[in-house]
Every structure is written in C-alpha cells, then in structure tokens.
Amino acid sequence: YSFGCAFTYRDEHKDWANYVSPKYKNLEDEVVNNKIYRLSLSDFKKLVVENAEKRATSKHAKSIKGISVEHLMAVILYCNFSRLSYEFSRTFRKLKKNETDEAVKQRNGE
C-alpha cells in the first residue's frame, strides 16, 4: 500500500503538472464505458432514478442544493459499489514501486 497522488480536474488548472483532462463527456459516459470498472447502462439509469426520487422527496433537499447531481451520484457510486471504489482508488496510487507519477496520472485519467 502507498499514499496516493493528488490530481486536479478543474479547467483553471490546465497548466498544472497534476491536471488530468476529462476523457468522457459526462458521468454516465464514464461509468458505462471506462476500462477500470463498468456498470451496465440499466444499472446506472436505475441509480439515477432512485437518486432523483430521493432528492425530490427528501426533507433535506434544500441543504444539498449547492451539490450537483453528478457530484452526488459520484458519492453514491463510490459508497454503494465496493469494487468500483476499490478500483477507482487504485488509480491514485503507484501499483509498483518503480511506477512513475506520469503512469499513475495516465491510469487516473481513465
């Protein structure tokens, strides 16, 4: 086990060495098409519907007003899918002692 690398994904940080540019057009595209751990489109759509229903009926909906649906979905995916969170977190760490930071960055970009 090793400590992970810190990356940034914000457009205003494009000139930073640890910037990772988006590969997918949105969260759905990433979740169903990535090469690390995929969910089926039907599972993703089911999760979207469940999330929308919870947001619509939640008495706490106002307190999460500033959080985008995609950010909330990312948290739900990370918490509810153990294998996905395991595989995702591996993209922040060197898998071999001699692995370069650039190789970790490339894997994280997937």
C-alpha atoms as a PDB file:
ATOM      1  CA  TYR A   1       0.000   0.000   0.000  1.00  0.00           C
ATOM      2  CA  SER A   2       1.205   3.523  -0.711  1.00  0.00           C
ATOM      3  CA  PHE A   3      -0.019   7.073  -0.382  1.00  0.00           C
ATOM      4  CA  GLY A   4      -1.945   8.356  -3.365  1.00  0.00           C
ATOM      5  CA  CYS A   5      -1.104  11.143  -5.767  1.00  0.00           C
ATOM      6  CA  ALA A   6      -3.180  14.322  -5.770  1.00  0.00           C
ATOM      7  CA  PHE A   7      -4.767  15.317  -9.072  1.00  0.00           C
ATOM      8  CA  THR A   8      -6.851  18.263 -10.209  1.00  0.00           C
ATOM      9  CA  TYR A   9      -9.594  18.205 -12.823  1.00  0.00           C
ATOM     10  CA  ARG A  10     -10.586  21.867 -12.904  1.00  0.00           C
ATOM     11  CA  ASP A  11     -10.198  23.743 -16.182  1.00  0.00           C
ATOM     12  CA  GLU A  12      -8.479  26.674 -14.462  1.00  0.00           C
ATOM     13  CA  HIS A  13      -5.652  24.270 -13.513  1.00  0.00           C
ATOM     14  CA  LYS A  14      -4.890  23.030 -17.040  1.00  0.00           C
ATOM     15  CA  ASP A  15      -1.311  24.280 -16.799  1.00  0.00           C
ATOM     16  CA  TRP A  16      -0.598  22.370 -13.558  1.00  0.00           C
ATOM     17  CA  ALA A  17       1.511  19.220 -13.737  1.00  0.00           C
ATOM     18  CA  ASN A  18      -1.118  17.207 -11.854  1.00  0.00           C
ATOM     19  CA  TYR A  19      -4.029  18.273 -14.112  1.00  0.00           C
ATOM     20  CA  VAL A  20      -5.994  15.383 -15.628  1.00  0.00           C
ATOM     21  CA  SER A  21      -8.175  16.288 -18.592  1.00  0.00           C
ATOM     22  CA  PRO A  22     -11.619  14.715 -18.909  1.00  0.00           C
ATOM     23  CA  LYS A  23     -11.808  11.674 -21.155  1.00  0.00           C
ATOM     24  CA  TYR A  24     -15.577  11.227 -21.034  1.00  0.00           C
ATOM     25  CA  LYS A  25     -18.353  13.701 -21.823  1.00  0.00           C
ATOM     26  CA  ASN A  26     -20.262  13.104 -18.567  1.00  0.00           C
ATOM     27  CA  LEU A  27     -20.617  10.774 -15.580  1.00  0.00           C
ATOM     28  CA  GLU A  28     -22.899   8.327 -17.396  1.00  0.00           C
ATOM     29  CA  ASP A  29     -20.434   8.001 -20.260  1.00  0.00           C
ATOM     30  CA  GLU A  30     -17.583   7.439 -17.806  1.00  0.00           C
ATOM     31  CA  VAL A  31     -19.400   4.889 -15.637  1.00  0.00           C
ATOM     32  CA  VAL A  32     -20.596   2.695 -18.506  1.00  0.00           C
ATOM     33  CA  ASN A  33     -17.543   2.984 -20.804  1.00  0.00           C
ATOM     34  CA  ASN A  34     -14.400   3.201 -18.656  1.00  0.00           C
ATOM     35  CA  LYS A  35     -11.812   0.416 -18.749  1.00  0.00           C
ATOM     36  CA  ILE A  36     -11.391   0.084 -14.965  1.00  0.00           C
ATOM     37  CA  TYR A  37     -14.834  -0.937 -13.684  1.00  0.00           C
ATOM     38  CA  ARG A  38     -18.049  -0.578 -15.670  1.00  0.00           C
ATOM     39  CA  LEU A  39     -21.670  -0.528 -14.664  1.00  0.00           C
ATOM     40  CA  SER A  40     -24.374  -1.507 -17.118  1.00  0.00           C
ATOM     41  CA  LEU A  41     -26.390   1.338 -18.590  1.00  0.00           C
ATOM     42  CA  SER A  42     -29.548  -0.084 -16.988  1.00  0.00           C
ATOM     43  CA  ASP A  43     -27.905  -0.157 -13.523  1.00  0.00           C
ATOM     44  CA  PHE A  44     -26.725   3.421 -13.961  1.00  0.00           C
ATOM     45  CA  LYS A  45     -30.157   4.626 -15.115  1.00  0.00           C
ATOM     46  CA  LYS A  46     -31.796   2.844 -12.161  1.00  0.00           C
ATOM     47  CA  LEU A  47     -29.416   4.642  -9.818  1.00  0.00           C
ATOM     48  CA  VAL A  48     -30.226   7.999 -11.456  1.00  0.00           C
ATOM     49  CA  VAL A  49     -33.964   7.435 -10.989  1.00  0.00           C
ATOM     50  CA  GLU A  50     -33.515   6.374  -7.353  1.00  0.00           C
ATOM     51  CA  ASN A  51     -31.348   9.433  -6.702  1.00  0.00           C
ATOM     52  CA  ALA A  52     -33.878  11.773  -8.329  1.00  0.00           C
ATOM     53  CA  GLU A  53     -36.700  10.282  -6.279  1.00  0.00           C
ATOM     54  CA  LYS A  54     -34.726  10.701  -3.050  1.00  0.00           C
ATOM     55  CA  ARG A  55     -33.860  14.304  -3.865  1.00  0.00           C
ATOM     56  CA  ALA A  56     -37.481  15.089  -4.728  1.00  0.00           C
ATOM     57  CA  THR A  57     -38.864  13.619  -1.509  1.00  0.00           C
ATOM     58  CA  SER A  58     -36.054  14.473   0.902  1.00  0.00           C
ATOM     59  CA  LYS A  59     -36.803  16.882   3.705  1.00  0.00           C
ATOM     60  CA  HIS A  60     -33.102  17.781   3.493  1.00  0.00           C
ATOM     61  CA  ALA A  61     -33.171  18.658  -0.229  1.00  0.00           C
ATOM     62  CA  LYS A  62     -32.547  22.343   0.481  1.00  0.00           C
ATOM     63  CA  SER A  63     -29.410  21.560   2.466  1.00  0.00           C
ATOM     64  CA  ILE A  64     -27.884  19.778  -0.545  1.00  0.00           C
ATOM     65  CA  LYS A  65     -28.975  22.442  -3.004  1.00  0.00           C
ATOM     66  CA  GLY A  66     -25.419  23.513  -3.861  1.00  0.00           C
ATOM     67  CA  ILE A  67     -24.298  19.980  -4.743  1.00  0.00           C
ATOM     68  CA  SER A  68     -24.664  18.981  -8.384  1.00  0.00           C
ATOM     69  CA  VAL A  69     -26.498  15.785  -9.262  1.00  0.00           C
ATOM     70  CA  GLU A  70     -23.304  14.406 -10.813  1.00  0.00           C
ATOM     71  CA  HIS A  71     -21.320  15.051  -7.614  1.00  0.00           C
ATOM     72  CA  LEU A  72     -23.990  13.373  -5.521  1.00  0.00           C
ATOM     73  CA  MET A  73     -24.087  10.440  -7.949  1.00  0.00           C
ATOM     74  CA  ALA A  74     -20.297  10.101  -7.707  1.00  0.00           C
ATOM     75  CA  VAL A  75     -20.516   9.833  -3.913  1.00  0.00           C
ATOM     76  CA  ILE A  76     -23.343   7.279  -4.144  1.00  0.00           C
ATOM     77  CA  LEU A  77     -21.399   5.226  -6.698  1.00  0.00           C
ATOM     78  CA  TYR A  78     -18.277   5.286  -4.533  1.00  0.00           C
ATOM     79  CA  CYS A  79     -20.182   4.286  -1.380  1.00  0.00           C
ATOM     80  CA  ASN A  80     -22.550   1.697  -2.862  1.00  0.00           C
ATOM     81  CA  PHE A  81     -20.239  -0.185  -5.222  1.00  0.00           C
ATOM     82  CA  SER A  82     -17.309  -1.614  -3.262  1.00  0.00           C
ATOM     83  CA  ARG A  83     -15.447  -2.988  -6.256  1.00  0.00           C
ATOM     84  CA  LEU A  84     -15.797   0.300  -8.129  1.00  0.00           C
ATOM     85  CA  SER A  85     -14.432   2.294  -5.165  1.00  0.00           C
ATOM     86  CA  TYR A  86     -11.564  -0.175  -4.773  1.00  0.00           C
ATOM     87  CA  GLU A  87     -10.598   0.006  -8.457  1.00  0.00           C
ATOM     88  CA  PHE A  88     -11.059   3.783  -8.572  1.00  0.00           C
ATOM     89  CA  SER A  89      -8.896   4.407  -5.504  1.00  0.00           C
ATOM     90  CA  ARG A  90      -6.129   2.312  -7.077  1.00  0.00           C
ATOM     91  CA  THR A  91      -5.842   4.931  -9.828  1.00  0.00           C
ATOM     92  CA  PHE A  92      -4.372   7.359  -7.274  1.00  0.00           C
ATOM     93  CA  ARG A  93      -1.549   5.076  -6.103  1.00  0.00           C
ATOM     94  CA  LYS A  94       1.555   3.541  -7.559  1.00  0.00           C
ATOM     95  CA  LEU A  95       0.880  -0.151  -8.105  1.00  0.00           C
ATOM     96  CA  LYS A  96       4.581  -0.944  -8.395  1.00  0.00           C
ATOM     97  CA  LYS A  97       7.439   0.651  -6.510  1.00  0.00           C
ATOM     98  CA  ASN A  98       9.112   1.886  -9.702  1.00  0.00           C
ATOM     99  CA  GLU A  99       5.925   3.200 -11.340  1.00  0.00           C
ATOM    100  CA  THR A 100       6.227   6.829 -12.436  1.00  0.00           C
ATOM    101  CA  ASP A 101       3.899   9.619 -11.369  1.00  0.00           C
ATOM    102  CA  GLU A 102       3.035  10.072 -15.051  1.00  0.00           C
ATOM    103  CA  ALA A 103       1.913   6.432 -15.299  1.00  0.00           C
ATOM    104  CA  VAL A 104      -0.329   6.910 -12.261  1.00  0.00           C
ATOM    105  CA  LYS A 105      -1.723  10.083 -13.842  1.00  0.00           C
ATOM    106  CA  GLN A 106      -2.464   8.218 -17.085  1.00  0.00           C
ATOM    107  CA  ARG A 107      -4.295   5.444 -15.217  1.00  0.00           C
ATOM    108  CA  ASN A 108      -6.240   8.024 -13.195  1.00  0.00           C
ATOM    109  CA  GLY A 109      -7.282   9.694 -16.444  1.00  0.00           C
ATOM    110  CA  GLU A 110      -9.153   6.565 -17.445  1.00  0.00           C
END
